[in-house]
Protein backbone atom coordinates (compact mmCIF):
# COMPACT_ATOMS: atom_id res chain seq x y z
CA MET A 1 205.73 85.92 118.92
CA ALA A 2 204.63 82.65 117.38
CA GLY A 3 203.83 82.57 113.62
CA ILE A 4 201.55 80.70 111.67
CA ASP A 5 204.11 77.87 111.10
CA ASP A 6 204.35 77.50 114.78
CA LEU A 7 200.61 77.37 115.34
CA LEU A 8 200.20 74.72 112.61
CA SER A 9 203.01 72.72 114.24
CA MET A 10 201.52 72.86 117.67
CA LEU A 11 198.39 71.56 116.32
CA ASP A 12 199.88 68.81 114.42
CA GLY A 13 201.18 67.62 117.66
CA LEU A 14 197.78 66.97 119.14
CA PHE A 15 197.55 64.05 116.61
CA ALA A 16 201.05 62.62 117.33
CA ALA A 17 200.04 59.80 119.60
CA GLY A 18 196.97 58.62 117.67
CA ALA A 19 196.78 55.26 115.69
CA ASP A 20 196.64 57.50 112.33
CA ARG A 21 199.66 59.64 113.25
CA TRP A 22 200.09 62.78 111.22
CA SER A 23 202.47 65.44 110.74
CA PRO A 24 204.26 66.83 107.72
CA ASP A 25 207.54 65.14 108.56
CA GLY A 26 206.17 62.07 110.26
CA SER A 27 206.21 59.42 107.53
CA ALA A 28 206.70 56.39 109.89
CA TRP A 29 203.03 55.38 110.00
CA TRP A 30 202.62 55.71 106.20
CA ASP A 31 206.01 53.75 105.64
CA GLY A 32 204.54 50.94 107.63
CA PHE A 33 201.34 51.13 105.64
CA TYR A 34 202.95 50.88 102.29
CA ALA A 35 205.60 48.17 103.29
CA ASP A 36 202.99 45.41 103.15
CA ARG A 37 202.21 45.49 99.50
CA ASP A 38 200.01 42.49 99.64
CA ARG A 39 197.35 44.02 101.86
CA PRO A 40 193.87 44.18 100.25
CA VAL A 41 193.87 48.11 99.67
CA PRO A 42 191.74 49.14 96.78
CA PHE A 43 194.24 51.73 95.63
CA PHE A 44 197.17 49.44 95.61
CA ARG A 45 196.01 48.28 92.00
CA ALA A 46 197.86 49.64 89.19
CA GLY A 47 195.03 51.61 87.16
CA PRO A 48 194.57 55.22 87.26
CA ASP A 49 191.31 56.89 88.74
CA GLU A 50 188.48 56.35 86.33
CA SER A 51 187.65 60.16 86.89
CA LEU A 52 191.18 61.14 85.30
CA VAL A 53 190.51 59.04 82.15
CA ASP A 54 186.90 60.35 82.00
CA TRP A 55 187.67 63.95 82.18
CA THR A 56 190.61 63.51 79.77
CA ALA A 57 188.26 61.64 77.04
CA ARG A 58 185.65 64.30 77.52
CA GLY A 59 188.16 67.17 76.98
CA LEU A 60 187.70 68.66 80.43
CA LEU A 61 191.41 67.94 81.08
CA PRO A 62 194.12 69.16 78.59
CA VAL A 63 196.56 66.60 77.40
CA GLY A 64 200.14 67.37 78.40
CA GLY A 65 201.50 70.26 80.46
CA ARG A 66 203.06 70.03 83.93
CA ALA A 67 201.36 68.35 86.84
CA LEU A 68 201.76 67.78 90.37
CA ASP A 69 200.51 64.59 92.03
CA VAL A 70 199.89 65.20 95.65
CA GLY A 71 200.17 62.16 97.92
CA CYS A 72 201.14 59.99 94.86
CA GLY A 73 201.60 56.85 96.79
CA PRO A 74 202.84 54.07 94.55
CA GLY A 75 202.48 56.32 91.47
CA ARG A 76 199.55 54.75 89.54
CA ASP A 77 197.94 58.21 88.66
CA ALA A 78 201.34 59.81 88.00
CA ARG A 79 202.35 57.04 85.70
CA TRP A 80 199.11 57.25 83.58
CA LEU A 81 199.44 61.19 83.32
CA ALA A 82 203.01 60.82 82.09
CA ALA A 83 201.85 58.35 79.67
CA GLN A 84 199.33 60.90 78.40
CA GLY A 85 202.30 63.30 77.84
CA TRP A 86 202.19 65.19 81.03
CA THR A 87 205.43 65.93 82.86
CA VAL A 88 204.69 64.92 86.45
CA ASP A 89 206.31 65.60 89.82
CA GLY A 90 204.84 63.01 92.19
CA VAL A 91 205.27 63.77 96.02
CA ASP A 92 204.51 61.56 98.97
CA LEU A 93 205.30 61.77 102.69
CA SER A 94 206.40 58.18 102.62
CA ALA A 95 209.72 57.03 101.25
CA GLU A 96 208.37 53.48 101.07
CA ALA A 97 205.60 54.62 98.84
CA ILE A 98 208.05 56.46 96.66
CA GLY A 99 210.34 53.50 96.46
CA TRP A 100 207.58 51.48 95.08
CA ALA A 101 206.45 54.21 92.69
CA ARG A 102 210.12 54.27 91.22
CA GLU A 103 209.97 50.56 90.66
CA HIS A 104 206.91 50.85 88.69
CA ALA A 105 208.62 53.81 86.78
CA ALA A 106 211.63 51.76 85.92
CA SER A 107 209.55 49.27 84.02
CA ALA A 108 207.63 52.07 82.14
CA PRO A 109 208.55 52.98 78.66
CA PRO A 110 211.55 55.23 78.58
CA ASP A 111 209.70 58.35 77.40
CA VAL A 112 207.18 57.92 80.24
CA ALA A 113 209.76 57.29 82.85
CA ALA A 114 211.52 60.46 81.49
CA ARG A 115 208.46 62.58 82.45
CA LEU A 116 208.20 61.44 86.02
CA ARG A 117 209.92 62.95 89.06
CA LEU A 118 209.14 60.95 92.24
CA VAL A 119 210.14 62.73 95.43
CA ALA A 120 209.58 61.65 99.15
CA GLY A 121 208.94 64.58 101.30
CA ASP A 122 206.43 67.30 102.61
CA VAL A 123 204.32 68.51 99.57
CA PHE A 124 203.67 71.71 101.59
CA ALA A 125 207.46 72.47 101.22
CA HIS A 126 207.64 71.37 97.74
CA PRO A 127 209.35 73.93 95.52
CA VAL A 128 206.97 75.04 92.57
CA PRO A 129 208.57 75.53 89.29
CA ALA A 130 208.27 78.90 87.41
CA GLY A 131 204.92 79.47 85.92
CA GLY A 132 203.43 76.67 88.21
CA TYR A 133 201.43 73.64 87.38
CA ASP A 134 198.70 73.06 84.75
CA LEU A 135 197.32 70.44 86.94
CA VAL A 136 197.26 69.69 90.67
CA HIS A 137 195.90 66.17 91.32
CA ASP A 138 195.15 64.42 94.60
CA SER A 139 193.58 61.04 94.98
CA GLY A 140 193.35 60.24 98.78
CA CYS A 141 195.59 62.76 100.50
CA PHE A 142 193.32 65.58 101.35
CA HIS A 143 190.87 63.47 103.53
CA HIS A 144 193.76 62.32 105.65
CA LEU A 145 194.72 65.97 106.71
CA PRO A 146 193.62 67.42 109.92
CA PRO A 147 191.24 70.41 109.67
CA HIS A 148 194.00 72.98 110.29
CA ARG A 149 196.04 71.85 107.47
CA ARG A 150 193.35 72.74 104.91
CA ILE A 151 195.12 76.33 105.31
CA SER A 152 198.46 74.74 104.21
CA TYR A 153 196.68 72.96 101.29
CA LEU A 154 194.99 76.20 100.18
CA ASP A 155 198.24 78.01 100.23
CA LEU A 156 199.77 75.14 98.09
CA LEU A 157 197.05 75.67 95.36
CA ALA A 158 197.57 79.38 95.44
CA ARG A 159 201.37 78.84 95.05
CA ALA A 160 201.16 75.84 92.63
CA LEU A 161 198.24 76.07 90.40
CA ARG A 162 198.64 78.48 87.57
CA PRO A 163 195.74 80.70 86.37
CA GLY A 164 193.56 78.32 84.17
CA GLY A 165 194.92 75.39 85.65
CA ALA A 166 192.81 72.41 86.87
CA PHE A 167 192.67 70.75 90.23
CA ALA A 168 191.47 67.12 90.42
CA LEU A 169 190.37 65.74 93.79
CA THR A 170 189.29 62.28 94.95
CA CYS A 171 188.39 62.05 98.55
CA PHE A 172 186.10 60.17 100.96
CA ALA A 173 182.30 60.63 100.33
CA ALA A 174 180.07 61.70 103.27
CA GLY A 175 177.67 59.10 103.81
CA ARG A 176 179.89 56.43 102.41
CA MET A 177 183.30 56.54 103.91
CA GLY A 178 185.24 58.59 106.72
CA SER A 179 184.21 60.46 109.57
CA GLU A 180 181.60 63.20 109.40
CA ALA A 181 182.33 64.48 113.13
CA PRO A 182 182.54 68.18 113.70
CA ASP A 183 186.14 69.51 113.10
CA ALA A 184 186.68 70.29 116.79
CA SER A 185 186.15 66.77 117.99
CA PHE A 186 189.28 65.59 116.33
CA TYR A 187 191.34 67.90 118.38
CA ALA A 188 189.61 66.59 121.55
CA THR A 189 190.45 63.06 120.61
CA GLY A 190 193.79 63.34 118.78
CA SER A 191 192.64 61.02 116.02
CA LEU A 192 191.52 61.56 112.55
CA GLU A 193 189.38 58.38 112.82
CA GLY A 194 190.85 56.86 109.63
CA GLY A 195 190.05 60.06 107.46
CA LEU A 196 187.55 62.89 106.93
CA ALA A 197 184.45 62.48 104.88
CA TYR A 198 183.38 65.46 102.53
CA SER A 199 180.12 66.45 100.85
CA GLU A 200 179.75 68.26 97.55
CA ALA A 201 178.83 71.35 99.55
CA ASP A 202 181.97 70.90 101.70
CA LEU A 203 184.18 70.96 98.59
CA ARG A 204 182.22 74.02 96.96
CA ARG A 205 182.78 75.81 100.36
CA ILE A 206 186.37 74.87 101.05
CA PHE A 207 187.60 75.45 97.33
CA GLY A 208 185.11 78.30 96.65
CA HIS A 209 187.92 80.40 94.98
CA LEU A 210 188.00 77.99 92.26
CA ASP A 211 185.40 77.33 89.43
CA VAL A 212 183.69 73.98 89.69
CA VAL A 213 183.85 71.93 86.45
CA GLU A 214 182.40 68.73 88.06
CA ILE A 215 181.74 67.12 91.29
CA ARG A 216 180.18 63.43 91.40
CA PRO A 217 180.52 60.08 92.94
CA MET A 218 183.33 58.11 91.73
CA ARG A 219 182.09 55.19 89.41
CA PRO A 220 183.10 51.82 90.73
CA GLN A 221 185.25 49.66 88.62
CA PRO A 222 185.94 45.89 88.66
CA ARG A 223 188.78 45.09 90.97
CA ASP A 224 190.51 43.18 87.99
CA GLY A 225 189.87 46.09 85.57
CA ASP A 226 192.19 48.49 84.13
CA LEU A 227 190.83 51.54 86.16
CA PHE A 228 190.25 52.53 89.89
CA GLY A 229 186.87 53.53 91.05
CA GLU A 230 185.21 53.01 94.57
CA ASP A 231 181.79 54.07 95.27
CA PHE A 232 182.67 55.34 98.80
CA LEU A 233 184.67 58.18 97.02
CA LEU A 234 183.86 61.65 95.71
CA VAL A 235 185.50 63.16 92.55
CA ALA A 236 185.80 66.78 91.90
CA LEU A 237 187.36 68.83 89.10
CA PHE A 238 188.03 72.61 89.54
CA ARG A 239 189.64 75.25 87.53
CA ARG A 240 191.53 78.24 88.77
CA PRO A 241 190.08 81.33 86.96
CA ALA A 242 192.39 82.65 84.34
């Protein structure tokens, strides 16, 4: 009899022919995306999410501990967290993105680079260290997952986020960016339509087992500034009950 992993893999296959191909081990599309570093992609800039900086400054995030950066891309948030004293595991499906992140890490101060571990692979299969993570951070991965992979995502949080730990999320905001189509429609078309949009109510429902610290629109930042912020994104900070 097929198990849950077989079912998830079968559903993954429904998206294999789409323009935005997705599967836990199908990195080719994202490798191509990251190969052109000059393309005008907002999150290709070097600065961290303004929300991470804001929550740290307001004492809503601890300083230091162990962090997992889900879908870390070129590593801008992972580097910033490491500079604040976090020990960071950055994981991305794209080897191209991880190669870029490692180049950035090589130019960071030695103490920062020493706190960074950058891995190309499936974050859902990522081994969780004993005791788990104090922070799970995701800027831009969750909204690129098909609906059935929310199961895998919630399982990752259950395994990875220690009691009392924080979960920080940046995703497409409903009404601003991304598809608001019913979940079933994605399986009919085999496309994620560039990414899924989420509302505050959606995030409260999906992550209802976590305590909400704050959910708000991301604050836009100047393109030539030190921080990343776009008004088509929603940011959320949760905490796992101790």
